PDB file of N, CA and C in Angstrom:
ATOM      1  N   MET A   1      14.038 -79.220 -61.900  1.00  0.00           N
ATOM      2  CA  MET A   1      13.999 -78.122 -62.833  1.00  0.00           C
ATOM      3  C   MET A   1      13.880 -76.717 -62.523  1.00  0.00           C
ATOM      4  N   ALA A   2      14.405 -75.995 -63.239  1.00  0.00           N
ATOM      5  CA  ALA A   2      14.295 -74.393 -62.900  1.00  0.00           C
ATOM      6  C   ALA A   2      13.263 -73.675 -62.829  1.00  0.00           C
ATOM      7  N   ASP A   3      12.620 -73.300 -61.490  1.00  0.00           N
ATOM      8  CA  ASP A   3      11.245 -72.749 -62.028  1.00  0.00           C
ATOM      9  C   ASP A   3      12.428 -70.730 -62.872  1.00  0.00           C
ATOM     10  N   GLU A   4      11.180 -70.286 -63.492  1.00  0.00           N
ATOM     11  CA  GLU A   4      11.312 -68.667 -63.828  1.00  0.00           C
ATOM     12  C   GLU A   4      11.974 -68.139 -62.741  1.00  0.00           C
ATOM     13  N   THR A   5      10.577 -68.067 -61.848  1.00  0.00           N
ATOM     14  CA  THR A   5      10.829 -67.010 -60.346  1.00  0.00           C
ATOM     15  C   THR A   5      11.840 -67.257 -59.611  1.00  0.00           C
ATOM     16  N   THR A   6      12.994 -68.836 -59.217  1.00  0.00           N
ATOM     17  CA  THR A   6      13.553 -68.679 -59.052  1.00  0.00           C
ATOM     18  C   THR A   6      15.306 -68.088 -59.937  1.00  0.00           C
ATOM     19  N   THR A   7      15.489 -68.033 -61.120  1.00  0.00           N
ATOM     20  CA  THR A   7      16.573 -67.846 -61.663  1.00  0.00           C
ATOM     21  C   THR A   7      16.459 -66.025 -61.587  1.00  0.00           C
ATOM     22  N   ILE A   8      17.907 -65.346 -61.301  1.00  0.00           N
ATOM     23  CA  ILE A   8      18.815 -64.906 -60.774  1.00  0.00           C
ATOM     24  C   ILE A   8      19.353 -63.218 -62.417  1.00  0.00           C
ATOM     25  N   GLY A   9      19.003 -62.717 -62.379  1.00  0.00           N
ATOM     26  CA  GLY A   9      19.787 -61.983 -62.944  1.00  0.00           C
ATOM     27  C   GLY A   9      19.887 -60.301 -62.816  1.00  0.00           C
ATOM     28  N   LEU A  10      19.916 -59.235 -64.121  1.00  0.00           N
ATOM     29  CA  LEU A  10      20.419 -58.153 -63.447  1.00  0.00           C
ATOM     30  C   LEU A  10      18.593 -57.037 -63.367  1.00  0.00           C
ATOM     31  N   HIS A  11      17.808 -58.455 -64.072  1.00  0.00           N
ATOM     32  CA  HIS A  11      16.530 -57.141 -63.721  1.00  0.00           C
ATOM     33  C   HIS A  11      15.720 -58.188 -63.000  1.00  0.00           C
ATOM     34  N   SER A  12      16.077 -59.188 -62.120  1.00  0.00           N
ATOM     35  CA  SER A  12      15.648 -59.625 -60.667  1.00  0.00           C
ATOM     36  C   SER A  12      16.384 -59.024 -59.057  1.00  0.00           C
ATOM     37  N   LEU A  13      16.976 -58.166 -59.206  1.00  0.00           N
ATOM     38  CA  LEU A  13      17.954 -57.368 -58.200  1.00  0.00           C
ATOM     39  C   LEU A  13      17.053 -56.540 -57.526  1.00  0.00           C
ATOM     40  N   ARG A  14      17.343 -56.882 -56.747  1.00  0.00           N
ATOM     41  CA  ARG A  14      16.927 -56.243 -55.527  1.00  0.00           C
ATOM     42  C   ARG A  14      17.258 -56.204 -54.084  1.00  0.00           C
ATOM     43  N   PRO A  15      17.552 -54.499 -53.050  1.00  0.00           N
ATOM     44  CA  PRO A  15      18.533 -54.542 -51.720  1.00  0.00           C
ATOM     45  C   PRO A  15      17.443 -55.885 -50.907  1.00  0.00           C
ATOM     46  N   ALA A  16      18.648 -56.328 -50.051  1.00  0.00           N
ATOM     47  CA  ALA A  16      17.572 -57.221 -49.078  1.00  0.00           C
ATOM     48  C   ALA A  16      16.789 -56.533 -48.266  1.00  0.00           C
ATOM     49  N   PRO A  17      15.420 -56.896 -48.037  1.00  0.00           N
ATOM     50  CA  PRO A  17      14.595 -56.441 -47.209  1.00  0.00           C
ATOM     51  C   PRO A  17      15.177 -55.918 -45.431  1.00  0.00           C
ATOM     52  N   GLY A  18      14.845 -54.229 -45.991  1.00  0.00           N
ATOM     53  CA  GLY A  18      14.981 -53.995 -44.391  1.00  0.00           C
ATOM     54  C   GLY A  18      16.433 -52.750 -44.335  1.00  0.00           C
ATOM     55  N   SER A  19      17.145 -53.125 -45.674  1.00  0.00           N
ATOM     56  CA  SER A  19      18.332 -52.768 -45.442  1.00  0.00           C
ATOM     57  C   SER A  19      18.203 -51.502 -46.666  1.00  0.00           C
ATOM     58  N   ARG A  20      17.604 -50.432 -47.035  1.00  0.00           N
ATOM     59  CA  ARG A  20      17.208 -48.849 -47.344  1.00  0.00           C
ATOM     60  C   ARG A  20      15.961 -48.623 -46.192  1.00  0.00           C
ATOM     61  N   ARG A  21      16.335 -47.748 -46.436  1.00  0.00           N
ATOM     62  CA  ARG A  21      14.989 -46.394 -45.624  1.00  0.00           C
ATOM     63  C   ARG A  21      15.399 -45.217 -46.130  1.00  0.00           C
ATOM     64  N   PRO A  22      14.390 -44.562 -46.169  1.00  0.00           N
ATOM     65  CA  PRO A  22      13.944 -43.029 -46.632  1.00  0.00           C
ATOM     66  C   PRO A  22      14.982 -41.967 -45.650  1.00  0.00           C
ATOM     67  N   ARG A  23      15.738 -40.908 -46.548  1.00  0.00           N
ATOM     68  CA  ARG A  23      16.092 -40.185 -46.078  1.00  0.00           C
ATOM     69  C   ARG A  23      15.343 -39.385 -44.749  1.00  0.00           C
ATOM     70  N   LYS A  24      16.071 -38.132 -44.218  1.00  0.00           N
ATOM     71  CA  LYS A  24      15.825 -37.305 -43.250  1.00  0.00           C
ATOM     72  C   LYS A  24      15.090 -36.911 -43.576  1.00  0.00           C
ATOM     73  N   ARG A  25      13.890 -35.858 -43.467  1.00  0.00           N
ATOM     74  CA  ARG A  25      14.477 -34.548 -44.956  1.00  0.00           C
ATOM     75  C   ARG A  25      13.589 -33.528 -42.749  1.00  0.00           C
ATOM     76  N   VAL A  26      15.221 -33.076 -42.229  1.00  0.00           N
ATOM     77  CA  VAL A  26      15.093 -32.275 -41.943  1.00  0.00           C
ATOM     78  C   VAL A  26      15.196 -30.730 -41.468  1.00  0.00           C
ATOM     79  N   GLY A  27      14.181 -30.208 -40.719  1.00  0.00           N
ATOM     80  CA  GLY A  27      14.214 -29.032 -40.989  1.00  0.00           C
ATOM     81  C   GLY A  27      12.567 -28.438 -42.104  1.00  0.00           C
ATOM     82  N   ARG A  28      11.179 -29.457 -41.313  1.00  0.00           N
ATOM     83  CA  ARG A  28      10.440 -29.335 -41.313  1.00  0.00           C
ATOM     84  C   ARG A  28       9.047 -29.511 -40.837  1.00  0.00           C
ATOM     85  N   GLY A  29       9.618 -29.107 -39.459  1.00  0.00           N
ATOM     86  CA  GLY A  29       8.374 -29.159 -38.869  1.00  0.00           C
ATOM     87  C   GLY A  29       8.767 -30.086 -37.326  1.00  0.00           C
ATOM     88  N   GLU A  30       8.240 -29.423 -36.648  1.00  0.00           N
ATOM     89  CA  GLU A  30       8.202 -30.416 -35.246  1.00  0.00           C
ATOM     90  C   GLU A  30       7.711 -31.560 -35.253  1.00  0.00           C
ATOM     91  N   GLY A  31       6.336 -31.998 -36.290  1.00  0.00           N
ATOM     92  CA  GLY A  31       5.608 -33.081 -36.131  1.00  0.00           C
ATOM     93  C   GLY A  31       6.919 -34.747 -37.015  1.00  0.00           C
ATOM     94  N   SER A  32       7.476 -34.000 -36.970  1.00  0.00           N
ATOM     95  CA  SER A  32       8.437 -34.952 -37.862  1.00  0.00           C
ATOM     96  C   SER A  32       9.871 -35.478 -36.813  1.00  0.00           C
ATOM     97  N   GLY A  33       9.643 -34.749 -35.914  1.00  0.00           N
ATOM     98  CA  GLY A  33      11.109 -35.918 -34.821  1.00  0.00           C
ATOM     99  C   GLY A  33      12.478 -34.190 -35.514  1.00  0.00           C
ATOM    100  N   LEU A  34      12.070 -34.401 -36.519  1.00  0.00           N
ATOM    101  CA  LEU A  34      13.745 -33.219 -36.990  1.00  0.00           C
ATOM    102  C   LEU A  34      13.675 -32.115 -37.515  1.00  0.00           C
ATOM    103  N   GLY A  35      12.282 -31.054 -36.596  1.00  0.00           N
ATOM    104  CA  GLY A  35      11.715 -29.792 -36.567  1.00  0.00           C
ATOM    105  C   GLY A  35      12.751 -28.955 -36.192  1.00  0.00           C
ATOM    106  N   LYS A  36      12.641 -28.273 -35.799  1.00  0.00           N
ATOM    107  CA  LYS A  36      13.114 -26.634 -35.670  1.00  0.00           C
ATOM    108  C   LYS A  36      14.678 -26.560 -35.334  1.00  0.00           C
ATOM    109  N   THR A  37      15.476 -27.151 -35.332  1.00  0.00           N
ATOM    110  CA  THR A  37      16.989 -26.954 -34.423  1.00  0.00           C
ATOM    111  C   THR A  37      18.043 -27.646 -35.384  1.00  0.00           C
ATOM    112  N   ALA A  38      16.469 -28.545 -36.227  1.00  0.00           N
ATOM    113  CA  ALA A  38      17.577 -29.702 -37.368  1.00  0.00           C
ATOM    114  C   ALA A  38      18.807 -30.485 -36.405  1.00  0.00           C
ATOM    115  N   GLY A  39      18.465 -31.166 -35.975  1.00  0.00           N
ATOM    116  CA  GLY A  39      19.420 -31.231 -35.122  1.00  0.00           C
ATOM    117  C   GLY A  39      20.252 -30.991 -35.524  1.00  0.00           C
ATOM    118  N   ARG A  40      20.441 -29.939 -34.637  1.00  0.00           N
ATOM    119  CA  ARG A  40      22.295 -29.480 -35.485  1.00  0.00           C
ATOM    120  C   ARG A  40      22.535 -28.548 -33.354  1.00  0.00           C
ATOM    121  N   GLY A  41      21.701 -28.949 -32.591  1.00  0.00           N
ATOM    122  CA  GLY A  41      21.490 -28.823 -31.364  1.00  0.00           C
ATOM    123  C   GLY A  41      21.582 -27.171 -31.750  1.00  0.00           C
ATOM    124  N   THR A  42      21.577 -26.752 -30.334  1.00  0.00           N
ATOM    125  CA  THR A  42      21.107 -25.298 -30.138  1.00  0.00           C
ATOM    126  C   THR A  42      22.328 -23.741 -30.381  1.00  0.00           C
ATOM    127  N   LYS A  43      23.444 -24.065 -29.865  1.00  0.00           N
ATOM    128  CA  LYS A  43      24.061 -22.806 -30.453  1.00  0.00           C
ATOM    129  C   LYS A  43      25.437 -23.389 -30.632  1.00  0.00           C
ATOM    130  N   GLY A  44      26.519 -22.371 -31.352  1.00  0.00           N
ATOM    131  CA  GLY A  44      27.885 -22.953 -31.375  1.00  0.00           C
ATOM    132  C   GLY A  44      28.152 -23.087 -32.571  1.00  0.00           C
ATOM    133  N   ALA A  45      29.062 -23.088 -33.528  1.00  0.00           N
ATOM    134  CA  ALA A  45      29.750 -23.096 -34.442  1.00  0.00           C
ATOM    135  C   ALA A  45      29.149 -24.518 -35.802  1.00  0.00           C
ATOM    136  N   GLY A  46      28.450 -25.557 -33.927  1.00  0.00           N
ATOM    137  CA  GLY A  46      27.748 -26.325 -35.372  1.00  0.00           C
ATOM    138  C   GLY A  46      26.588 -26.255 -35.785  1.00  0.00           C
ATOM    139  N   ALA A  47      25.892 -25.222 -35.045  1.00  0.00           N
ATOM    140  CA  ALA A  47      24.648 -24.852 -35.418  1.00  0.00           C
ATOM    141  C   ALA A  47      24.776 -23.630 -36.795  1.00  0.00           C
ATOM    142  N   ARG A  48      25.969 -22.517 -36.771  1.00  0.00           N
ATOM    143  CA  ARG A  48      25.527 -21.896 -37.984  1.00  0.00           C
ATOM    144  C   ARG A  48      25.448 -22.125 -39.877  1.00  0.00           C
ATOM    145  N   SER A  49      25.431 -21.557 -40.265  1.00  0.00           N
ATOM    146  CA  SER A  49      25.606 -22.268 -41.848  1.00  0.00           C
ATOM    147  C   SER A  49      27.225 -22.018 -42.190  1.00  0.00           C
ATOM    148  N   GLY A  50      27.030 -22.582 -43.082  1.00  0.00           N
ATOM    149  CA  GLY A  50      27.902 -22.535 -43.210  1.00  0.00           C
ATOM    150  C   GLY A  50      29.861 -23.345 -42.579  1.00  0.00           C
ATOM    151  N   ASN A  51      29.240 -24.111 -42.124  1.00  0.00           N
ATOM    152  CA  ASN A  51      29.351 -24.728 -40.711  1.00  0.00           C
ATOM    153  C   ASN A  51      31.197 -25.393 -41.817  1.00  0.00           C
ATOM    154  N   LYS A  52      31.745 -25.045 -41.674  1.00  0.00           N
ATOM    155  CA  LYS A  52      32.689 -25.838 -42.290  1.00  0.00           C
ATOM    156  C   LYS A  52      34.208 -26.413 -41.063  1.00  0.00           C
ATOM    157  N   ARG A  53      34.050 -27.027 -40.291  1.00  0.00           N
ATOM    158  CA  ARG A  53      35.325 -27.172 -38.803  1.00  0.00           C
ATOM    159  C   ARG A  53      36.151 -28.124 -39.628  1.00  0.00           C
ATOM    160  N   LYS A  54      38.097 -27.815 -39.377  1.00  0.00           N
ATOM    161  CA  LYS A  54      38.756 -28.054 -39.523  1.00  0.00           C
ATOM    162  C   LYS A  54      38.714 -29.699 -38.919  1.00  0.00           C
ATOM    163  N   PRO A  55      39.028 -30.979 -39.879  1.00  0.00           N
ATOM    164  CA  PRO A  55      39.163 -32.390 -39.285  1.00  0.00           C
ATOM    165  C   PRO A  55      39.782 -31.819 -37.822  1.00  0.00           C
ATOM    166  N   ASN A  56      41.053 -31.447 -37.748  1.00  0.00           N
ATOM    167  CA  ASN A  56      41.856 -30.944 -36.256  1.00  0.00           C
ATOM    168  C   ASN A  56      41.274 -30.114 -35.265  1.00  0.00           C
ATOM    169  N   TYR A  57      39.677 -29.459 -35.581  1.00  0.00           N
ATOM    170  CA  TYR A  57      40.021 -28.305 -34.710  1.00  0.00           C
ATOM    171  C   TYR A  57      39.507 -28.720 -33.617  1.00  0.00           C
ATOM    172  N   GLU A  58      39.820 -27.763 -32.072  1.00  0.00           N
ATOM    173  CA  GLU A  58      39.266 -29.084 -30.923  1.00  0.00           C
ATOM    174  C   GLU A  58      38.422 -28.041 -30.180  1.00  0.00           C
ATOM    175  N   GLY A  59      37.879 -27.233 -31.187  1.00  0.00           N
ATOM    176  CA  GLY A  59      36.767 -26.082 -30.253  1.00  0.00           C
ATOM    177  C   GLY A  59      37.266 -25.109 -29.197  1.00  0.00           C
ATOM    178  N   GLY A  60      39.240 -24.290 -29.845  1.00  0.00           N
ATOM    179  CA  GLY A  60      38.781 -23.544 -28.699  1.00  0.00           C
ATOM    180  C   GLY A  60      40.177 -23.819 -27.931  1.00  0.00           C
ATOM    181  N   GLN A  61      40.342 -24.629 -26.766  1.00  0.00           N
ATOM    182  CA  GLN A  61      41.118 -25.550 -26.282  1.00  0.00           C
ATOM    183  C   GLN A  61      41.716 -25.568 -26.723  1.00  0.00           C
ATOM    184  N   MET A  62      43.744 -26.030 -26.294  1.00  0.00           N
ATOM    185  CA  MET A  62      44.593 -25.175 -27.365  1.00  0.00           C
ATOM    186  C   MET A  62      45.256 -26.652 -27.463  1.00  0.00           C
ATOM    187  N   PRO A  63      45.658 -26.484 -29.170  1.00  0.00           N
ATOM    188  CA  PRO A  63      46.145 -27.661 -30.313  1.00  0.00           C
ATOM    189  C   PRO A  63      46.750 -28.515 -29.160  1.00  0.00           C
ATOM    190  N   ILE A  64      46.365 -29.865 -29.294  1.00  0.00           N
ATOM    191  CA  ILE A  64      47.889 -30.766 -28.953  1.00  0.00           C
ATOM    192  C   ILE A  64      48.934 -30.639 -29.764  1.00  0.00           C
ATOM    193  N   HIS A  65      49.320 -30.157 -30.822  1.00  0.00           N
ATOM    194  CA  HIS A  65      50.226 -30.239 -31.088  1.00  0.00           C
ATOM    195  C   HIS A  65      51.494 -28.616 -30.141  1.00  0.00           C
ATOM    196  N   MET A  66      50.609 -28.180 -29.377  1.00  0.00           N
ATOM    197  CA  MET A  66      51.243 -26.860 -28.831  1.00  0.00           C
ATOM    198  C   MET A  66      50.629 -27.145 -27.813  1.00  0.00           C
ATOM    199  N   ARG A  67      50.130 -28.819 -27.461  1.00  0.00           N
ATOM    200  CA  ARG A  67      49.773 -28.797 -25.799  1.00  0.00           C
ATOM    201  C   ARG A  67      51.690 -29.490 -25.339  1.00  0.00           C
ATOM    202  N   MET A  68      51.799 -30.661 -26.456  1.00  0.00           N
ATOM    203  CA  MET A  68      52.953 -32.005 -26.052  1.00  0.00           C
ATOM    204  C   MET A  68      54.358 -30.760 -26.030  1.00  0.00           C
ATOM    205  N   GLY A  69      54.800 -31.545 -24.842  1.00  0.00           N
ATOM    206  CA  GLY A  69      56.240 -30.659 -25.220  1.00  0.00           C
ATOM    207  C   GLY A  69      57.014 -30.333 -26.031  1.00  0.00           C
ATOM    208  N   LYS A  70      58.499 -29.952 -26.054  1.00  0.00           N
ATOM    209  CA  LYS A  70      58.878 -30.233 -26.910  1.00  0.00           C
ATOM    210  C   LYS A  70      60.235 -31.249 -26.690  1.00  0.00           C
ATOM    211  N   LEU A  71      61.376 -32.000 -27.229  1.00  0.00           N
ATOM    212  CA  LEU A  71      61.925 -32.601 -26.051  1.00  0.00           C
ATOM    213  C   LEU A  71      63.311 -31.803 -26.239  1.00  0.00           C
ATOM    214  N   ARG A  72      64.367 -31.816 -25.205  1.00  0.00           N
ATOM    215  CA  ARG A  72      65.943 -31.494 -26.165  1.00  0.00           C
ATOM    216  C   ARG A  72      66.517 -32.145 -26.735  1.00  0.00           C
ATOM    217  N   GLY A  73      67.612 -31.288 -27.621  1.00  0.00           N
ATOM    218  CA  GLY A  73      68.681 -32.175 -28.094  1.00  0.00           C
ATOM    219  C   GLY A  73      68.184 -31.355 -29.825  1.00  0.00           C
ATOM    220  N   PRO A  74      69.357 -32.197 -30.438  1.00  0.00           N
ATOM    221  CA  PRO A  74      69.737 -31.809 -32.023  1.00  0.00           C
ATOM    222  C   PRO A  74      68.260 -31.968 -32.221  1.00  0.00           C
ATOM    223  N   HIS A  75      67.720 -30.710 -33.804  1.00  0.00           N
ATOM    224  CA  HIS A  75      66.602 -31.393 -34.424  1.00  0.00           C
ATOM    225  C   HIS A  75      66.326 -32.663 -34.600  1.00  0.00           C
ATOM    226  N   MET A  76      65.983 -33.772 -34.676  1.00  0.00           N
ATOM    227  CA  MET A  76      65.938 -35.215 -35.410  1.00  0.00           C
ATOM    228  C   MET A  76      64.226 -35.247 -35.287  1.00  0.00           C
ATOM    229  N   LYS A  77      64.193 -36.504 -35.728  1.00  0.00           N
ATOM    230  CA  LYS A  77      62.285 -36.811 -36.253  1.00  0.00           C
ATOM    231  C   LYS A  77      61.765 -37.233 -35.281  1.00  0.00           C
ATOM    232  N   LYS A  78      62.141 -37.158 -33.812  1.00  0.00           N
ATOM    233  CA  LYS A  78      61.673 -37.347 -32.321  1.00  0.00           C
ATOM    234  C   LYS A  78      61.744 -36.527 -31.496  1.00  0.00           C
ATOM    235  N   SER A  79      62.199 -35.149 -32.238  1.00  0.00           N
ATOM    236  CA  SER A  79      62.410 -34.228 -30.704  1.00  0.00           C
ATOM    237  C   SER A  79      60.922 -33.180 -30.970  1.00  0.00           C
ATOM    238  N   MET A  80      59.824 -33.333 -32.186  1.00  0.00           N
ATOM    239  CA  MET A  80      58.975 -32.993 -31.816  1.00  0.00           C
ATOM    240  C   MET A  80      58.242 -33.078 -33.201  1.00  0.00           C
ATOM    241  N   PRO A  81      57.187 -34.601 -32.550  1.00  0.00           N
ATOM    242  CA  PRO A  81      56.428 -35.642 -32.093  1.00  0.00           C
ATOM    243  C   PRO A  81      55.611 -34.551 -33.519  1.00  0.00           C
ATOM    244  N   PHE A  82      55.240 -33.700 -33.138  1.00  0.00           N
ATOM    245  CA  PHE A  82      53.033 -33.347 -34.044  1.00  0.00           C
ATOM    246  C   PHE A  82      54.386 -32.483 -35.016  1.00  0.00           C
ATOM    247  N   ARG A  83      55.676 -31.851 -34.674  1.00  0.00           N
ATOM    248  CA  ARG A  83      55.509 -31.058 -35.647  1.00  0.00           C
ATOM    249  C   ARG A  83      56.725 -31.225 -36.522  1.00  0.00           C
ATOM    250  N   ARG A  84      56.588 -32.340 -37.214  1.00  0.00           N
ATOM    251  CA  ARG A  84      57.214 -32.858 -38.223  1.00  0.00           C
ATOM    252  C   ARG A  84      56.566 -32.693 -39.602  1.00  0.00           C
ATOM    253  N   SER A  85      57.618 -32.374 -40.497  1.00  0.00           N
ATOM    254  CA  SER A  85      57.321 -32.091 -41.913  1.00  0.00           C
ATOM    255  C   SER A  85      56.728 -33.279 -43.006  1.00  0.00           C
ATOM    256  N   THR A  86      57.953 -34.392 -42.211  1.00  0.00           N
ATOM    257  CA  THR A  86      58.029 -36.098 -43.102  1.00  0.00           C
ATOM    258  C   THR A  86      57.668 -36.540 -42.614  1.00  0.00           C
TER     259      THR A  86
END
């Protein structure tokens, strides 16, 4: 005999206990644990407002496609491994 409390329906769905956590409110005072710099560190591009770094940006280091040596020979696909368009 099925109980009314054990039936599962759209009205009785809820997330598993402990799977949902409240969102972190950053920059709301030192007592919150995420105050002052709000988890961004002290200086640098990541700490500035409007921070939109490209995914392949290497922090001013010489980029990998410029560090790699170019191979000799005719311009084949393997000649310049990082600079090919196809």
